Amino acid sequence: MAGWHPLKRREFVRRLLALGFTGPYSGARHDFLIFRQRRQTIPSNTDYSVPQVKMLVRQVETIVGRKIPADEWASL
């Protein structure tokens, strides 16, 4: 069973693209990706801590409309 691990920004964006997001697009302060009509902001720091990854994945789950278990997240 996979656990949560810190990620690089580039890896986080790659996983969102695998889930069907498009982008990244430049915003005023942060880049963002789009899933259908919903927008996910991408923090500009290069490394994401475990709590930050969990928070962002919860936001992605809301946008996508389903749970994303740690196993699935690690395999993206």
PDB file of N, CA and C in Angstrom:
ATOM      1  N   MET A   1       0.845  -1.189   0.000  1.00  0.00           N
ATOM      2  CA  MET A   1       0.000   0.000   0.000  1.00  0.00           C
ATOM      3  C   MET A   1       0.883   1.242   0.000  1.00  0.00           C
ATOM      4  N   ALA A   2       0.613   2.123  -0.894  1.00  0.00           N
ATOM      5  CA  ALA A   2       1.410   3.345  -1.027  1.00  0.00           C
ATOM      6  C   ALA A   2       0.953   4.379  -0.009  1.00  0.00           C
ATOM      7  N   GLY A   3       1.889   5.168   0.447  1.00  0.00           N
ATOM      8  CA  GLY A   3       1.566   6.263   1.349  1.00  0.00           C
ATOM      9  C   GLY A   3       1.749   7.579   0.631  1.00  0.00           C
ATOM     10  N   TRP A   4       1.569   8.643   1.353  1.00  0.00           N
ATOM     11  CA  TRP A   4       1.743   9.981   0.782  1.00  0.00           C
ATOM     12  C   TRP A   4       3.204  10.378   0.899  1.00  0.00           C
ATOM     13  N   HIS A   5       3.702  11.037  -0.129  1.00  0.00           N
ATOM     14  CA  HIS A   5       5.102  11.465  -0.169  1.00  0.00           C
ATOM     15  C   HIS A   5       5.170  12.903  -0.670  1.00  0.00           C
ATOM     16  N   PRO A   6       6.225  13.643  -0.280  1.00  0.00           N
ATOM     17  CA  PRO A   6       6.412  14.982  -0.855  1.00  0.00           C
ATOM     18  C   PRO A   6       6.591  14.870  -2.370  1.00  0.00           C
ATOM     19  N   LEU A   7       6.191  15.915  -3.079  1.00  0.00           N
ATOM     20  CA  LEU A   7       6.278  15.911  -4.539  1.00  0.00           C
ATOM     21  C   LEU A   7       6.919  17.188  -5.051  1.00  0.00           C
ATOM     22  N   LYS A   8       7.525  17.075  -6.195  1.00  0.00           N
ATOM     23  CA  LYS A   8       7.948  18.252  -6.934  1.00  0.00           C
ATOM     24  C   LYS A   8       6.737  18.807  -7.663  1.00  0.00           C
ATOM     25  N   ARG A   9       6.748  20.085  -7.928  1.00  0.00           N
ATOM     26  CA  ARG A   9       5.640  20.738  -8.622  1.00  0.00           C
ATOM     27  C   ARG A   9       5.391  20.087  -9.984  1.00  0.00           C
ATOM     28  N   ARG A  10       6.445  19.829 -10.715  1.00  0.00           N
ATOM     29  CA  ARG A  10       6.336  19.236 -12.049  1.00  0.00           C
ATOM     30  C   ARG A  10       5.636  17.875 -11.993  1.00  0.00           C
ATOM     31  N   GLU A  11       5.944  17.064 -10.972  1.00  0.00           N
ATOM     32  CA  GLU A  11       5.316  15.752 -10.820  1.00  0.00           C
ATOM     33  C   GLU A  11       3.837  15.890 -10.480  1.00  0.00           C
ATOM     34  N   PHE A  12       3.493  16.867  -9.651  1.00  0.00           N
ATOM     35  CA  PHE A  12       2.090  17.102  -9.302  1.00  0.00           C
ATOM     36  C   PHE A  12       1.287  17.480 -10.554  1.00  0.00           C
ATOM     37  N   VAL A  13       1.831  18.360 -11.369  1.00  0.00           N
ATOM     38  CA  VAL A  13       1.158  18.774 -12.605  1.00  0.00           C
ATOM     39  C   VAL A  13       1.021  17.584 -13.544  1.00  0.00           C
ATOM     40  N   ARG A  14       2.048  16.739 -13.652  1.00  0.00           N
ATOM     41  CA  ARG A  14       1.992  15.572 -14.519  1.00  0.00           C
ATOM     42  C   ARG A  14       0.860  14.635 -14.094  1.00  0.00           C
ATOM     43  N   ARG A  15       0.679  14.452 -12.788  1.00  0.00           N
ATOM     44  CA  ARG A  15      -0.386  13.573 -12.298  1.00  0.00           C
ATOM     45  C   ARG A  15      -1.765  14.164 -12.570  1.00  0.00           C
ATOM     46  N   LEU A  16      -1.898  15.470 -12.447  1.00  0.00           N
ATOM     47  CA  LEU A  16      -3.188  16.089 -12.769  1.00  0.00           C
ATOM     48  C   LEU A  16      -3.503  15.948 -14.251  1.00  0.00           C
ATOM     49  N   LEU A  17      -2.503  16.073 -15.091  1.00  0.00           N
ATOM     50  CA  LEU A  17      -2.714  15.885 -16.528  1.00  0.00           C
ATOM     51  C   LEU A  17      -3.159  14.457 -16.812  1.00  0.00           C
ATOM     52  N   ALA A  18      -2.634  13.487 -16.057  1.00  0.00           N
ATOM     53  CA  ALA A  18      -3.040  12.091 -16.221  1.00  0.00           C
ATOM     54  C   ALA A  18      -4.501  11.886 -15.810  1.00  0.00           C
ATOM     55  N   LEU A  19      -5.008  12.729 -14.906  1.00  0.00           N
ATOM     56  CA  LEU A  19      -6.406  12.645 -14.479  1.00  0.00           C
ATOM     57  C   LEU A  19      -7.360  13.335 -15.456  1.00  0.00           C
ATOM     58  N   GLY A  20      -6.823  14.041 -16.450  1.00  0.00           N
ATOM     59  CA  GLY A  20      -7.675  14.675 -17.444  1.00  0.00           C
ATOM     60  C   GLY A  20      -7.710  16.190 -17.386  1.00  0.00           C
ATOM     61  N   PHE A  21      -6.879  16.801 -16.570  1.00  0.00           N
ATOM     62  CA  PHE A  21      -6.801  18.260 -16.510  1.00  0.00           C
ATOM     63  C   PHE A  21      -6.065  18.766 -17.745  1.00  0.00           C
ATOM     64  N   THR A  22      -6.299  20.024 -18.103  1.00  0.00           N
ATOM     65  CA  THR A  22      -5.559  20.657 -19.195  1.00  0.00           C
ATOM     66  C   THR A  22      -4.803  21.850 -18.633  1.00  0.00           C
ATOM     67  N   GLY A  23      -3.712  22.190 -19.273  1.00  0.00           N
ATOM     68  CA  GLY A  23      -2.912  23.315 -18.818  1.00  0.00           C
ATOM     69  C   GLY A  23      -1.467  22.874 -18.663  1.00  0.00           C
ATOM     70  N   PRO A  24      -0.707  23.530 -17.865  1.00  0.00           N
ATOM     71  CA  PRO A  24      -1.043  24.655 -16.984  1.00  0.00           C
ATOM     72  C   PRO A  24      -1.101  25.980 -17.750  1.00  0.00           C
ATOM     73  N   TYR A  25      -1.938  26.845 -17.242  1.00  0.00           N
ATOM     74  CA  TYR A  25      -2.103  28.190 -17.791  1.00  0.00           C
ATOM     75  C   TYR A  25      -1.589  29.200 -16.779  1.00  0.00           C
ATOM     76  N   SER A  26      -1.104  30.332 -17.279  1.00  0.00           N
ATOM     77  CA  SER A  26      -0.599  31.377 -16.398  1.00  0.00           C
ATOM     78  C   SER A  26      -1.745  32.199 -15.842  1.00  0.00           C
ATOM     79  N   GLY A  27      -1.695  32.445 -14.542  1.00  0.00           N
ATOM     80  CA  GLY A  27      -2.673  33.294 -13.892  1.00  0.00           C
ATOM     81  C   GLY A  27      -1.990  34.548 -13.391  1.00  0.00           C
ATOM     82  N   ALA A  28      -2.688  35.330 -12.601  1.00  0.00           N
ATOM     83  CA  ALA A  28      -2.130  36.565 -12.072  1.00  0.00           C
ATOM     84  C   ALA A  28      -0.994  36.279 -11.094  1.00  0.00           C
ATOM     85  N   ARG A  29      -1.227  35.387 -10.139  1.00  0.00           N
ATOM     86  CA  ARG A  29      -0.196  35.059  -9.150  1.00  0.00           C
ATOM     87  C   ARG A  29       0.244  33.607  -9.207  1.00  0.00           C
ATOM     88  N   HIS A  30      -0.636  32.716  -9.654  1.00  0.00           N
ATOM     89  CA  HIS A  30      -0.341  31.286  -9.701  1.00  0.00           C
ATOM     90  C   HIS A  30      -0.778  30.720 -11.046  1.00  0.00           C
ATOM     91  N   ASP A  31      -0.129  29.627 -11.423  1.00  0.00           N
ATOM     92  CA  ASP A  31      -0.587  28.887 -12.589  1.00  0.00           C
ATOM     93  C   ASP A  31      -1.813  28.072 -12.184  1.00  0.00           C
ATOM     94  N   PHE A  32      -2.565  27.591 -13.164  1.00  0.00           N
ATOM     95  CA  PHE A  32      -3.730  26.773 -12.861  1.00  0.00           C
ATOM     96  C   PHE A  32      -3.955  25.764 -13.967  1.00  0.00           C
ATOM     97  N   LEU A  33      -4.689  24.713 -13.641  1.00  0.00           N
ATOM     98  CA  LEU A  33      -5.112  23.706 -14.597  1.00  0.00           C
ATOM     99  C   LEU A  33      -6.629  23.679 -14.601  1.00  0.00           C
ATOM    100  N   ILE A  34      -7.214  23.200 -15.694  1.00  0.00           N
ATOM    101  CA  ILE A  34      -8.676  23.193 -15.826  1.00  0.00           C
ATOM    102  C   ILE A  34      -9.164  21.766 -16.054  1.00  0.00           C
ATOM    103  N   PHE A  35     -10.232  21.397 -15.353  1.00  0.00           N
ATOM    104  CA  PHE A  35     -10.940  20.132 -15.549  1.00  0.00           C
ATOM    105  C   PHE A  35     -12.384  20.493 -15.818  1.00  0.00           C
ATOM    106  N   ARG A  36     -12.838  20.255 -17.051  1.00  0.00           N
ATOM    107  CA  ARG A  36     -14.149  20.706 -17.521  1.00  0.00           C
ATOM    108  C   ARG A  36     -14.229  22.216 -17.305  1.00  0.00           C
ATOM    109  N   GLN A  37     -15.125  22.699 -16.476  1.00  0.00           N
ATOM    110  CA  GLN A  37     -15.237  24.148 -16.234  1.00  0.00           C
ATOM    111  C   GLN A  37     -14.614  24.569 -14.902  1.00  0.00           C
ATOM    112  N   ARG A  38     -13.956  23.651 -14.207  1.00  0.00           N
ATOM    113  CA  ARG A  38     -13.409  23.929 -12.875  1.00  0.00           C
ATOM    114  C   ARG A  38     -11.916  24.186 -12.952  1.00  0.00           C
ATOM    115  N   ARG A  39     -11.430  25.033 -12.079  1.00  0.00           N
ATOM    116  CA  ARG A  39     -10.038  25.470 -12.084  1.00  0.00           C
ATOM    117  C   ARG A  39      -9.335  25.015 -10.811  1.00  0.00           C
ATOM    118  N   GLN A  40      -8.127  24.454 -10.964  1.00  0.00           N
ATOM    119  CA  GLN A  40      -7.292  24.071  -9.830  1.00  0.00           C
ATOM    120  C   GLN A  40      -6.033  24.924  -9.845  1.00  0.00           C
ATOM    121  N   THR A  41      -5.865  25.727  -8.822  1.00  0.00           N
ATOM    122  CA  THR A  41      -4.689  26.581  -8.703  1.00  0.00           C
ATOM    123  C   THR A  41      -3.488  25.741  -8.286  1.00  0.00           C
ATOM    124  N   ILE A  42      -2.347  26.040  -8.867  1.00  0.00           N
ATOM    125  CA  ILE A  42      -1.113  25.332  -8.571  1.00  0.00           C
ATOM    126  C   ILE A  42      -0.186  26.294  -7.826  1.00  0.00           C
ATOM    127  N   PRO A  43       0.161  25.983  -6.571  1.00  0.00           N
ATOM    128  CA  PRO A  43       1.087  26.845  -5.833  1.00  0.00           C
ATOM    129  C   PRO A  43       2.416  26.972  -6.576  1.00  0.00           C
ATOM    130  N   SER A  44       3.084  28.090  -6.407  1.00  0.00           N
ATOM    131  CA  SER A  44       4.285  28.366  -7.186  1.00  0.00           C
ATOM    132  C   SER A  44       5.568  27.807  -6.572  1.00  0.00           C
ATOM    133  N   ASN A  45       5.512  27.272  -5.342  1.00  0.00           N
ATOM    134  CA  ASN A  45       6.737  26.700  -4.781  1.00  0.00           C
ATOM    135  C   ASN A  45       7.098  25.413  -5.533  1.00  0.00           C
ATOM    136  N   THR A  46       8.391  25.063  -5.554  1.00  0.00           N
ATOM    137  CA  THR A  46       8.845  23.935  -6.367  1.00  0.00           C
ATOM    138  C   THR A  46       8.662  22.591  -5.685  1.00  0.00           C
ATOM    139  N   ASP A  47       8.603  22.552  -4.360  1.00  0.00           N
ATOM    140  CA  ASP A  47       8.407  21.313  -3.618  1.00  0.00           C
ATOM    141  C   ASP A  47       7.150  21.414  -2.778  1.00  0.00           C
ATOM    142  N   TYR A  48       6.349  20.342  -2.784  1.00  0.00           N
ATOM    143  CA  TYR A  48       5.119  20.303  -1.989  1.00  0.00           C
ATOM    144  C   TYR A  48       5.302  19.308  -0.852  1.00  0.00           C
ATOM    145  N   SER A  49       5.023  19.731   0.366  1.00  0.00           N
ATOM    146  CA  SER A  49       5.115  18.857   1.527  1.00  0.00           C
ATOM    147  C   SER A  49       3.924  17.896   1.542  1.00  0.00           C
ATOM    148  N   VAL A  50       3.987  16.882   2.407  1.00  0.00           N
ATOM    149  CA  VAL A  50       2.906  15.900   2.501  1.00  0.00           C
ATOM    150  C   VAL A  50       1.580  16.567   2.869  1.00  0.00           C
ATOM    151  N   PRO A  51       1.533  17.454   3.890  1.00  0.00           N
ATOM    152  CA  PRO A  51       0.250  18.107   4.180  1.00  0.00           C
ATOM    153  C   PRO A  51      -0.278  18.939   3.012  1.00  0.00           C
ATOM    154  N   GLN A  52       0.613  19.585   2.277  1.00  0.00           N
ATOM    155  CA  GLN A  52       0.184  20.385   1.131  1.00  0.00           C
ATOM    156  C   GLN A  52      -0.335  19.485   0.011  1.00  0.00           C
ATOM    157  N   VAL A  53       0.325  18.353  -0.226  1.00  0.00           N
ATOM    158  CA  VAL A  53      -0.137  17.409  -1.248  1.00  0.00           C
ATOM    159  C   VAL A  53      -1.522  16.888  -0.883  1.00  0.00           C
ATOM    160  N   LYS A  54      -1.723  16.521   0.385  1.00  0.00           N
ATOM    161  CA  LYS A  54      -3.030  16.011   0.824  1.00  0.00           C
ATOM    162  C   LYS A  54      -4.121  17.067   0.629  1.00  0.00           C
ATOM    163  N   MET A  55      -3.819  18.318   0.969  1.00  0.00           N
ATOM    164  CA  MET A  55      -4.790  19.392   0.804  1.00  0.00           C
ATOM    165  C   MET A  55      -5.140  19.579  -0.675  1.00  0.00           C
ATOM    166  N   LEU A  56      -4.134  19.580  -1.528  1.00  0.00           N
ATOM    167  CA  LEU A  56      -4.368  19.758  -2.960  1.00  0.00           C
ATOM    168  C   LEU A  56      -5.138  18.579  -3.549  1.00  0.00           C
ATOM    169  N   VAL A  57      -4.847  17.371  -3.103  1.00  0.00           N
ATOM    170  CA  VAL A  57      -5.565  16.202  -3.618  1.00  0.00           C
ATOM    171  C   VAL A  57      -7.025  16.254  -3.177  1.00  0.00           C
ATOM    172  N   ARG A  58      -7.311  16.726  -1.972  1.00  0.00           N
ATOM    173  CA  ARG A  58      -8.710  16.893  -1.535  1.00  0.00           C
ATOM    174  C   ARG A  58      -9.436  17.878  -2.442  1.00  0.00           C
ATOM    175  N   GLN A  59      -8.768  18.958  -2.832  1.00  0.00           N
ATOM    176  CA  GLN A  59      -9.371  19.915  -3.755  1.00  0.00           C
ATOM    177  C   GLN A  59      -9.625  19.264  -5.114  1.00  0.00           C
ATOM    178  N   VAL A  60      -8.671  18.472  -5.581  1.00  0.00           N
ATOM    179  CA  VAL A  60      -8.814  17.777  -6.859  1.00  0.00           C
ATOM    180  C   VAL A  60      -9.970  16.783  -6.792  1.00  0.00           C
ATOM    181  N   GLU A  61     -10.116  16.088  -5.666  1.00  0.00           N
ATOM    182  CA  GLU A  61     -11.226  15.148  -5.501  1.00  0.00           C
ATOM    183  C   GLU A  61     -12.567  15.857  -5.640  1.00  0.00           C
ATOM    184  N   THR A  62     -12.680  17.048  -5.096  1.00  0.00           N
ATOM    185  CA  THR A  62     -13.910  17.832  -5.213  1.00  0.00           C
ATOM    186  C   THR A  62     -14.173  18.204  -6.668  1.00  0.00           C
ATOM    187  N   ILE A  63     -13.134  18.592  -7.379  1.00  0.00           N
ATOM    188  CA  ILE A  63     -13.278  18.995  -8.772  1.00  0.00           C
ATOM    189  C   ILE A  63     -13.648  17.799  -9.649  1.00  0.00           C
ATOM    190  N   VAL A  64     -12.970  16.673  -9.449  1.00  0.00           N
ATOM    191  CA  VAL A  64     -13.193  15.486 -10.271  1.00  0.00           C
ATOM    192  C   VAL A  64     -14.496  14.791  -9.879  1.00  0.00           C
ATOM    193  N   GLY A  65     -14.876  14.890  -8.607  1.00  0.00           N
ATOM    194  CA  GLY A  65     -16.128  14.299  -8.157  1.00  0.00           C
ATOM    195  C   GLY A  65     -16.009  12.877  -7.647  1.00  0.00           C
ATOM    196  N   ARG A  66     -14.797  12.477  -7.254  1.00  0.00           N
ATOM    197  CA  ARG A  66     -14.605  11.135  -6.699  1.00  0.00           C
ATOM    198  C   ARG A  66     -13.367  11.124  -5.811  1.00  0.00           C
ATOM    199  N   LYS A  67     -13.273  10.102  -4.959  1.00  0.00           N
ATOM    200  CA  LYS A  67     -12.111   9.944  -4.090  1.00  0.00           C
ATOM    201  C   LYS A  67     -10.925   9.444  -4.905  1.00  0.00           C
ATOM    202  N   ILE A  68      -9.731   9.882  -4.525  1.00  0.00           N
ATOM    203  CA  ILE A  68      -8.506   9.410  -5.156  1.00  0.00           C
ATOM    204  C   ILE A  68      -7.641   8.811  -4.040  1.00  0.00           C
ATOM    205  N   PRO A  69      -7.643   7.481  -3.916  1.00  0.00           N
ATOM    206  CA  PRO A  69      -6.846   6.842  -2.865  1.00  0.00           C
ATOM    207  C   PRO A  69      -5.350   7.038  -3.107  1.00  0.00           C
ATOM    208  N   ALA A  70      -4.564   6.886  -2.043  1.00  0.00           N
ATOM    209  CA  ALA A  70      -3.114   7.066  -2.134  1.00  0.00           C
ATOM    210  C   ALA A  70      -2.503   6.106  -3.148  1.00  0.00           C
ATOM    211  N   ASP A  71      -3.042   4.875  -3.240  1.00  0.00           N
ATOM    212  CA  ASP A  71      -2.521   3.905  -4.207  1.00  0.00           C
ATOM    213  C   ASP A  71      -2.686   4.408  -5.631  1.00  0.00           C
ATOM    214  N   GLU A  72      -3.879   4.911  -5.939  1.00  0.00           N
ATOM    215  CA  GLU A  72      -4.128   5.422  -7.294  1.00  0.00           C
ATOM    216  C   GLU A  72      -3.265   6.647  -7.564  1.00  0.00           C
ATOM    217  N   TRP A  73      -3.161   7.525  -6.570  1.00  0.00           N
ATOM    218  CA  TRP A  73      -2.371   8.748  -6.730  1.00  0.00           C
ATOM    219  C   TRP A  73      -0.909   8.408  -7.037  1.00  0.00           C
ATOM    220  N   ALA A  74      -0.378   7.403  -6.330  1.00  0.00           N
ATOM    221  CA  ALA A  74       1.029   7.011  -6.541  1.00  0.00           C
ATOM    222  C   ALA A  74       1.236   6.373  -7.906  1.00  0.00           C
ATOM    223  N   SER A  75       0.185   5.741  -8.461  1.00  0.00           N
ATOM    224  CA  SER A  75       0.354   5.062  -9.741  1.00  0.00           C
ATOM    225  C   SER A  75       0.133   5.975 -10.946  1.00  0.00           C
ATOM    226  N   LEU A  76      -0.322   7.194 -10.725  1.00  0.00           N
ATOM    227  CA  LEU A  76      -0.547   8.122 -11.847  1.00  0.00           C
ATOM    228  C   LEU A  76       0.773   8.574 -12.445  1.00  0.00           C
TER     229      LEU A  76
END
